[in-house]
Amino acid sequence: MAPEPFRYEPLERFGEGLTTRRPWNTSALAGVERLNGRVAMVGFAAAVVGELITGHGPAGQLLDLLQWYLR
């Protein structure tokens, strides 16, 4: 008996695989969105702490970093 040939998934529009109601995609999308939210919260907290330390906002911190790097 010959092995069954590999079957590709049907073609989809760009991004459709993450937004359909397929059970294997909804949990992956939920995990990715949870991770993105947590990383955004860490980034916001880092910007606030950096502002407290330096006295400059995020844009000022970036300019200070560029000035330090370009010296």
PDB file of N, CA and C in Angstrom:
ATOM      1  N   MET A   1       0.843  -1.185   0.000  1.00  0.00           N
ATOM      2  CA  MET A   1       0.000   0.000   0.000  1.00  0.00           C
ATOM      3  C   MET A   1       0.882   1.241   0.000  1.00  0.00           C
ATOM      4  N   ALA A   2       0.631   2.140  -0.918  1.00  0.00           N
ATOM      5  CA  ALA A   2       1.432   3.356  -1.058  1.00  0.00           C
ATOM      6  C   ALA A   2       1.036   4.372   0.016  1.00  0.00           C
ATOM      7  N   PRO A   3       2.018   5.159   0.516  1.00  0.00           N
ATOM      8  CA  PRO A   3       1.677   6.173   1.518  1.00  0.00           C
ATOM      9  C   PRO A   3       0.802   7.270   0.905  1.00  0.00           C
ATOM     10  N   GLU A   4      -0.048   7.824   1.736  1.00  0.00           N
ATOM     11  CA  GLU A   4      -0.952   8.880   1.269  1.00  0.00           C
ATOM     12  C   GLU A   4      -0.146  10.148   0.988  1.00  0.00           C
ATOM     13  N   PRO A   5      -0.379  10.807  -0.137  1.00  0.00           N
ATOM     14  CA  PRO A   5       0.399  12.027  -0.447  1.00  0.00           C
ATOM     15  C   PRO A   5       0.061  13.154   0.529  1.00  0.00           C
ATOM     16  N   PHE A   6       1.025  14.053   0.674  1.00  0.00           N
ATOM     17  CA  PHE A   6       0.840  15.189   1.571  1.00  0.00           C
ATOM     18  C   PHE A   6      -0.263  16.099   1.037  1.00  0.00           C
ATOM     19  N   ARG A   7      -1.129  16.541   1.918  1.00  0.00           N
ATOM     20  CA  ARG A   7      -2.225  17.428   1.513  1.00  0.00           C
ATOM     21  C   ARG A   7      -2.000  18.813   2.108  1.00  0.00           C
ATOM     22  N   TYR A   8      -1.992  19.787   1.243  1.00  0.00           N
ATOM     23  CA  TYR A   8      -1.879  21.166   1.688  1.00  0.00           C
ATOM     24  C   TYR A   8      -3.242  21.668   2.143  1.00  0.00           C
ATOM     25  N   GLU A   9      -3.232  22.692   3.017  1.00  0.00           N
ATOM     26  CA  GLU A   9      -4.494  23.313   3.401  1.00  0.00           C
ATOM     27  C   GLU A   9      -5.015  24.116   2.216  1.00  0.00           C
ATOM     28  N   PRO A  10      -6.313  24.342   2.129  1.00  0.00           N
ATOM     29  CA  PRO A  10      -6.837  25.140   1.023  1.00  0.00           C
ATOM     30  C   PRO A  10      -6.313  26.579   1.085  1.00  0.00           C
ATOM     31  N   LEU A  11      -6.203  27.207  -0.067  1.00  0.00           N
ATOM     32  CA  LEU A  11      -5.718  28.579  -0.135  1.00  0.00           C
ATOM     33  C   LEU A  11      -6.683  29.517   0.575  1.00  0.00           C
ATOM     34  N   GLU A  12      -6.127  30.526   1.243  1.00  0.00           N
ATOM     35  CA  GLU A  12      -6.926  31.498   1.980  1.00  0.00           C
ATOM     36  C   GLU A  12      -6.474  32.897   1.597  1.00  0.00           C
ATOM     37  N   ARG A  13      -7.329  33.860   1.894  1.00  0.00           N
ATOM     38  CA  ARG A  13      -6.909  35.245   1.719  1.00  0.00           C
ATOM     39  C   ARG A  13      -5.864  35.565   2.775  1.00  0.00           C
ATOM     40  N   PHE A  14      -5.080  36.636   2.565  1.00  0.00           N
ATOM     41  CA  PHE A  14      -4.034  37.022   3.503  1.00  0.00           C
ATOM     42  C   PHE A  14      -4.633  37.309   4.872  1.00  0.00           C
ATOM     43  N   GLY A  15      -4.131  36.644   5.905  1.00  0.00           N
ATOM     44  CA  GLY A  15      -4.583  36.865   7.270  1.00  0.00           C
ATOM     45  C   GLY A  15      -5.863  36.143   7.648  1.00  0.00           C
ATOM     46  N   GLU A  16      -6.487  35.457   6.738  1.00  0.00           N
ATOM     47  CA  GLU A  16      -7.761  34.800   7.035  1.00  0.00           C
ATOM     48  C   GLU A  16      -7.589  33.674   8.039  1.00  0.00           C
ATOM     49  N   GLY A  17      -6.446  33.000   8.032  1.00  0.00           N
ATOM     50  CA  GLY A  17      -6.238  31.870   8.919  1.00  0.00           C
ATOM     51  C   GLY A  17      -6.277  32.239  10.389  1.00  0.00           C
ATOM     52  N   LEU A  18      -5.953  33.494  10.722  1.00  0.00           N
ATOM     53  CA  LEU A  18      -5.970  33.911  12.122  1.00  0.00           C
ATOM     54  C   LEU A  18      -7.309  34.482  12.550  1.00  0.00           C
ATOM     55  N   THR A  19      -8.199  34.733  11.614  1.00  0.00           N
ATOM     56  CA  THR A  19      -9.464  35.378  11.978  1.00  0.00           C
ATOM     57  C   THR A  19     -10.674  34.478  11.791  1.00  0.00           C
ATOM     58  N   THR A  20     -10.498  33.293  11.247  1.00  0.00           N
ATOM     59  CA  THR A  20     -11.639  32.395  11.086  1.00  0.00           C
ATOM     60  C   THR A  20     -11.952  31.721  12.413  1.00  0.00           C
ATOM     61  N   ARG A  21     -13.078  31.069  12.503  1.00  0.00           N
ATOM     62  CA  ARG A  21     -13.502  30.437  13.749  1.00  0.00           C
ATOM     63  C   ARG A  21     -12.995  29.003  13.873  1.00  0.00           C
ATOM     64  N   ARG A  22     -11.883  28.697  13.274  1.00  0.00           N
ATOM     65  CA  ARG A  22     -11.323  27.362  13.409  1.00  0.00           C
ATOM     66  C   ARG A  22     -10.794  27.197  14.832  1.00  0.00           C
ATOM     67  N   PRO A  23     -11.026  26.086  15.474  1.00  0.00           N
ATOM     68  CA  PRO A  23     -10.602  25.946  16.875  1.00  0.00           C
ATOM     69  C   PRO A  23      -9.104  26.021  17.069  1.00  0.00           C
ATOM     70  N   TRP A  24      -8.288  25.602  16.097  1.00  0.00           N
ATOM     71  CA  TRP A  24      -6.844  25.638  16.303  1.00  0.00           C
ATOM     72  C   TRP A  24      -6.282  27.033  16.091  1.00  0.00           C
ATOM     73  N   ASN A  25      -7.081  27.951  15.522  1.00  0.00           N
ATOM     74  CA  ASN A  25      -6.587  29.307  15.319  1.00  0.00           C
ATOM     75  C   ASN A  25      -7.016  30.259  16.426  1.00  0.00           C
ATOM     76  N   THR A  26      -8.164  30.033  17.046  1.00  0.00           N
ATOM     77  CA  THR A  26      -8.632  30.984  18.055  1.00  0.00           C
ATOM     78  C   THR A  26      -7.743  30.972  19.287  1.00  0.00           C
ATOM     79  N   SER A  27      -7.266  29.825  19.713  1.00  0.00           N
ATOM     80  CA  SER A  27      -6.396  29.798  20.883  1.00  0.00           C
ATOM     81  C   SER A  27      -5.036  30.416  20.562  1.00  0.00           C
ATOM     82  N   ALA A  28      -4.529  30.201  19.348  1.00  0.00           N
ATOM     83  CA  ALA A  28      -3.256  30.811  18.966  1.00  0.00           C
ATOM     84  C   ALA A  28      -3.383  32.323  18.912  1.00  0.00           C
ATOM     85  N   LEU A  29      -4.473  32.812  18.357  1.00  0.00           N
ATOM     86  CA  LEU A  29      -4.674  34.253  18.273  1.00  0.00           C
ATOM     87  C   LEU A  29      -4.825  34.858  19.661  1.00  0.00           C
ATOM     88  N   ALA A  30      -5.530  34.183  20.552  1.00  0.00           N
ATOM     89  CA  ALA A  30      -5.689  34.688  21.920  1.00  0.00           C
ATOM     90  C   ALA A  30      -4.340  34.757  22.624  1.00  0.00           C
ATOM     91  N   GLY A  31      -3.504  33.767  22.441  1.00  0.00           N
ATOM     92  CA  GLY A  31      -2.179  33.780  23.066  1.00  0.00           C
ATOM     93  C   GLY A  31      -1.295  34.883  22.522  1.00  0.00           C
ATOM     94  N   VAL A  32      -1.337  35.087  21.217  1.00  0.00           N
ATOM     95  CA  VAL A  32      -0.537  36.144  20.602  1.00  0.00           C
ATOM     96  C   VAL A  32      -1.003  37.516  21.076  1.00  0.00           C
ATOM     97  N   GLU A  33      -2.299  37.725  21.128  1.00  0.00           N
ATOM     98  CA  GLU A  33      -2.821  39.014  21.577  1.00  0.00           C
ATOM     99  C   GLU A  33      -2.511  39.255  23.050  1.00  0.00           C
ATOM    100  N   ARG A  34      -2.556  38.224  23.864  1.00  0.00           N
ATOM    101  CA  ARG A  34      -2.208  38.365  25.281  1.00  0.00           C
ATOM    102  C   ARG A  34      -0.742  38.758  25.421  1.00  0.00           C
ATOM    103  N   LEU A  35       0.137  38.106  24.652  1.00  0.00           N
ATOM    104  CA  LEU A  35       1.560  38.436  24.692  1.00  0.00           C
ATOM    105  C   LEU A  35       1.797  39.871  24.225  1.00  0.00           C
ATOM    106  N   ASN A  36       1.144  40.294  23.144  1.00  0.00           N
ATOM    107  CA  ASN A  36       1.302  41.662  22.660  1.00  0.00           C
ATOM    108  C   ASN A  36       0.865  42.670  23.711  1.00  0.00           C
ATOM    109  N   GLY A  37      -0.219  42.401  24.393  1.00  0.00           N
ATOM    110  CA  GLY A  37      -0.693  43.300  25.432  1.00  0.00           C
ATOM    111  C   GLY A  37       0.285  43.402  26.584  1.00  0.00           C
ATOM    112  N   ARG A  38       0.842  42.285  26.986  1.00  0.00           N
ATOM    113  CA  ARG A  38       1.793  42.293  28.099  1.00  0.00           C
ATOM    114  C   ARG A  38       3.080  43.013  27.727  1.00  0.00           C
ATOM    115  N   VAL A  39       3.557  42.815  26.505  1.00  0.00           N
ATOM    116  CA  VAL A  39       4.764  43.507  26.063  1.00  0.00           C
ATOM    117  C   VAL A  39       4.508  45.009  25.985  1.00  0.00           C
ATOM    118  N   ALA A  40       3.321  45.411  25.539  1.00  0.00           N
ATOM    119  CA  ALA A  40       2.986  46.833  25.495  1.00  0.00           C
ATOM    120  C   ALA A  40       2.956  47.432  26.895  1.00  0.00           C
ATOM    121  N   MET A  41       2.436  46.692  27.868  1.00  0.00           N
ATOM    122  CA  MET A  41       2.413  47.191  29.250  1.00  0.00           C
ATOM    123  C   MET A  41       3.829  47.346  29.798  1.00  0.00           C
ATOM    124  N   VAL A  42       4.716  46.399  29.499  1.00  0.00           N
ATOM    125  CA  VAL A  42       6.105  46.500  29.949  1.00  0.00           C
ATOM    126  C   VAL A  42       6.779  47.706  29.292  1.00  0.00           C
ATOM    127  N   GLY A  43       6.529  47.918  28.016  1.00  0.00           N
ATOM    128  CA  GLY A  43       7.107  49.070  27.322  1.00  0.00           C
ATOM    129  C   GLY A  43       6.621  50.391  27.894  1.00  0.00           C
ATOM    130  N   PHE A  44       5.340  50.471  28.207  1.00  0.00           N
ATOM    131  CA  PHE A  44       4.794  51.694  28.800  1.00  0.00           C
ATOM    132  C   PHE A  44       5.402  51.939  30.176  1.00  0.00           C
ATOM    133  N   ALA A  45       5.517  50.883  30.981  1.00  0.00           N
ATOM    134  CA  ALA A  45       6.117  51.028  32.312  1.00  0.00           C
ATOM    135  C   ALA A  45       7.584  51.455  32.195  1.00  0.00           C
ATOM    136  N   ALA A  46       8.307  50.914  31.231  1.00  0.00           N
ATOM    137  CA  ALA A  46       9.703  51.300  31.027  1.00  0.00           C
ATOM    138  C   ALA A  46       9.807  52.765  30.624  1.00  0.00           C
ATOM    139  N   ALA A  47       8.876  53.243  29.803  1.00  0.00           N
ATOM    140  CA  ALA A  47       8.888  54.651  29.409  1.00  0.00           C
ATOM    141  C   ALA A  47       8.615  55.550  30.609  1.00  0.00           C
ATOM    142  N   VAL A  48       7.707  55.151  31.481  1.00  0.00           N
ATOM    143  CA  VAL A  48       7.401  55.946  32.673  1.00  0.00           C
ATOM    144  C   VAL A  48       8.596  55.971  33.623  1.00  0.00           C
ATOM    145  N   VAL A  49       9.223  54.818  33.851  1.00  0.00           N
ATOM    146  CA  VAL A  49      10.389  54.759  34.734  1.00  0.00           C
ATOM    147  C   VAL A  49      11.537  55.572  34.145  1.00  0.00           C
ATOM    148  N   GLY A  50      11.750  55.459  32.846  1.00  0.00           N
ATOM    149  CA  GLY A  50      12.802  56.247  32.198  1.00  0.00           C
ATOM    150  C   GLY A  50      12.549  57.735  32.314  1.00  0.00           C
ATOM    151  N   GLU A  51      11.285  58.133  32.230  1.00  0.00           N
ATOM    152  CA  GLU A  51      10.958  59.551  32.386  1.00  0.00           C
ATOM    153  C   GLU A  51      11.204  60.013  33.811  1.00  0.00           C
ATOM    154  N   LEU A  52      10.895  59.180  34.802  1.00  0.00           N
ATOM    155  CA  LEU A  52      11.154  59.543  36.194  1.00  0.00           C
ATOM    156  C   LEU A  52      12.653  59.681  36.463  1.00  0.00           C
ATOM    157  N   ILE A  53      13.451  58.836  35.839  1.00  0.00           N
ATOM    158  CA  ILE A  53      14.900  58.856  36.068  1.00  0.00           C
ATOM    159  C   ILE A  53      15.557  60.027  35.343  1.00  0.00           C
ATOM    160  N   THR A  54      15.205  60.233  34.072  1.00  0.00           N
ATOM    161  CA  THR A  54      15.910  61.228  33.260  1.00  0.00           C
ATOM    162  C   THR A  54      15.237  62.590  33.244  1.00  0.00           C
ATOM    163  N   GLY A  55      13.953  62.632  33.499  1.00  0.00           N
ATOM    164  CA  GLY A  55      13.236  63.901  33.404  1.00  0.00           C
ATOM    165  C   GLY A  55      12.800  64.228  31.983  1.00  0.00           C
ATOM    166  N   HIS A  56      13.080  63.341  31.040  1.00  0.00           N
ATOM    167  CA  HIS A  56      12.678  63.520  29.643  1.00  0.00           C
ATOM    168  C   HIS A  56      11.635  62.463  29.295  1.00  0.00           C
ATOM    169  N   GLY A  57      10.737  62.815  28.395  1.00  0.00           N
ATOM    170  CA  GLY A  57       9.761  61.859  27.913  1.00  0.00           C
ATOM    171  C   GLY A  57      10.410  60.861  26.970  1.00  0.00           C
ATOM    172  N   PRO A  58       9.617  59.952  26.389  1.00  0.00           N
ATOM    173  CA  PRO A  58      10.188  58.941  25.488  1.00  0.00           C
ATOM    174  C   PRO A  58      10.928  59.547  24.300  1.00  0.00           C
ATOM    175  N   ALA A  59      10.396  60.610  23.715  1.00  0.00           N
ATOM    176  CA  ALA A  59      11.086  61.230  22.574  1.00  0.00           C
ATOM    177  C   ALA A  59      12.390  61.872  23.023  1.00  0.00           C
ATOM    178  N   GLY A  60      12.383  62.519  24.178  1.00  0.00           N
ATOM    179  CA  GLY A  60      13.605  63.121  24.706  1.00  0.00           C
ATOM    180  C   GLY A  60      14.650  62.079  25.038  1.00  0.00           C
ATOM    181  N   GLN A  61      14.207  60.937  25.550  1.00  0.00           N
ATOM    182  CA  GLN A  61      15.144  59.851  25.845  1.00  0.00           C
ATOM    183  C   GLN A  61      15.777  59.325  24.569  1.00  0.00           C
ATOM    184  N   LEU A  62      14.986  59.216  23.526  1.00  0.00           N
ATOM    185  CA  LEU A  62      15.516  58.751  22.245  1.00  0.00           C
ATOM    186  C   LEU A  62      16.522  59.749  21.683  1.00  0.00           C
ATOM    187  N   LEU A  63      16.224  61.040  21.780  1.00  0.00           N
ATOM    188  CA  LEU A  63      17.169  62.061  21.312  1.00  0.00           C
ATOM    189  C   LEU A  63      18.452  62.034  22.140  1.00  0.00           C
ATOM    190  N   ASP A  64      18.332  61.869  23.459  1.00  0.00           N
ATOM    191  CA  ASP A  64      19.526  61.765  24.299  1.00  0.00           C
ATOM    192  C   ASP A  64      20.369  60.567  23.902  1.00  0.00           C
ATOM    193  N   LEU A  65      19.719  59.446  23.612  1.00  0.00           N
ATOM    194  CA  LEU A  65      20.446  58.246  23.196  1.00  0.00           C
ATOM    195  C   LEU A  65      21.157  58.474  21.871  1.00  0.00           C
ATOM    196  N   LEU A  66      20.485  59.118  20.930  1.00  0.00           N
ATOM    197  CA  LEU A  66      21.110  59.388  19.631  1.00  0.00           C
ATOM    198  C   LEU A  66      22.288  60.344  19.775  1.00  0.00           C
ATOM    199  N   GLN A  67      22.134  61.359  20.611  1.00  0.00           N
ATOM    200  CA  GLN A  67      23.250  62.299  20.824  1.00  0.00           C
ATOM    201  C   GLN A  67      24.431  61.590  21.464  1.00  0.00           C
ATOM    202  N   TRP A  68      24.168  60.708  22.434  1.00  0.00           N
ATOM    203  CA  TRP A  68      25.246  59.968  23.075  1.00  0.00           C
ATOM    204  C   TRP A  68      25.936  59.030  22.082  1.00  0.00           C
ATOM    205  N   TYR A  69      25.140  58.406  21.229  1.00  0.00           N
ATOM    206  CA  TYR A  69      25.706  57.443  20.276  1.00  0.00           C
ATOM    207  C   TYR A  69      26.520  58.140  19.194  1.00  0.00           C
ATOM    208  N   LEU A  70      26.085  59.317  18.773  1.00  0.00           N
ATOM    209  CA  LEU A  70      26.743  60.000  17.667  1.00  0.00           C
ATOM    210  C   LEU A  70      27.964  60.821  18.104  1.00  0.00           C
ATOM    211  N   ARG A  71      28.276  60.870  19.378  1.00  0.00           N
ATOM    212  CA  ARG A  71      29.469  61.609  19.829  1.00  0.00           C
ATOM    213  C   ARG A  71      30.729  60.924  19.444  1.00  0.00           C
TER     214      ARG A  71
END
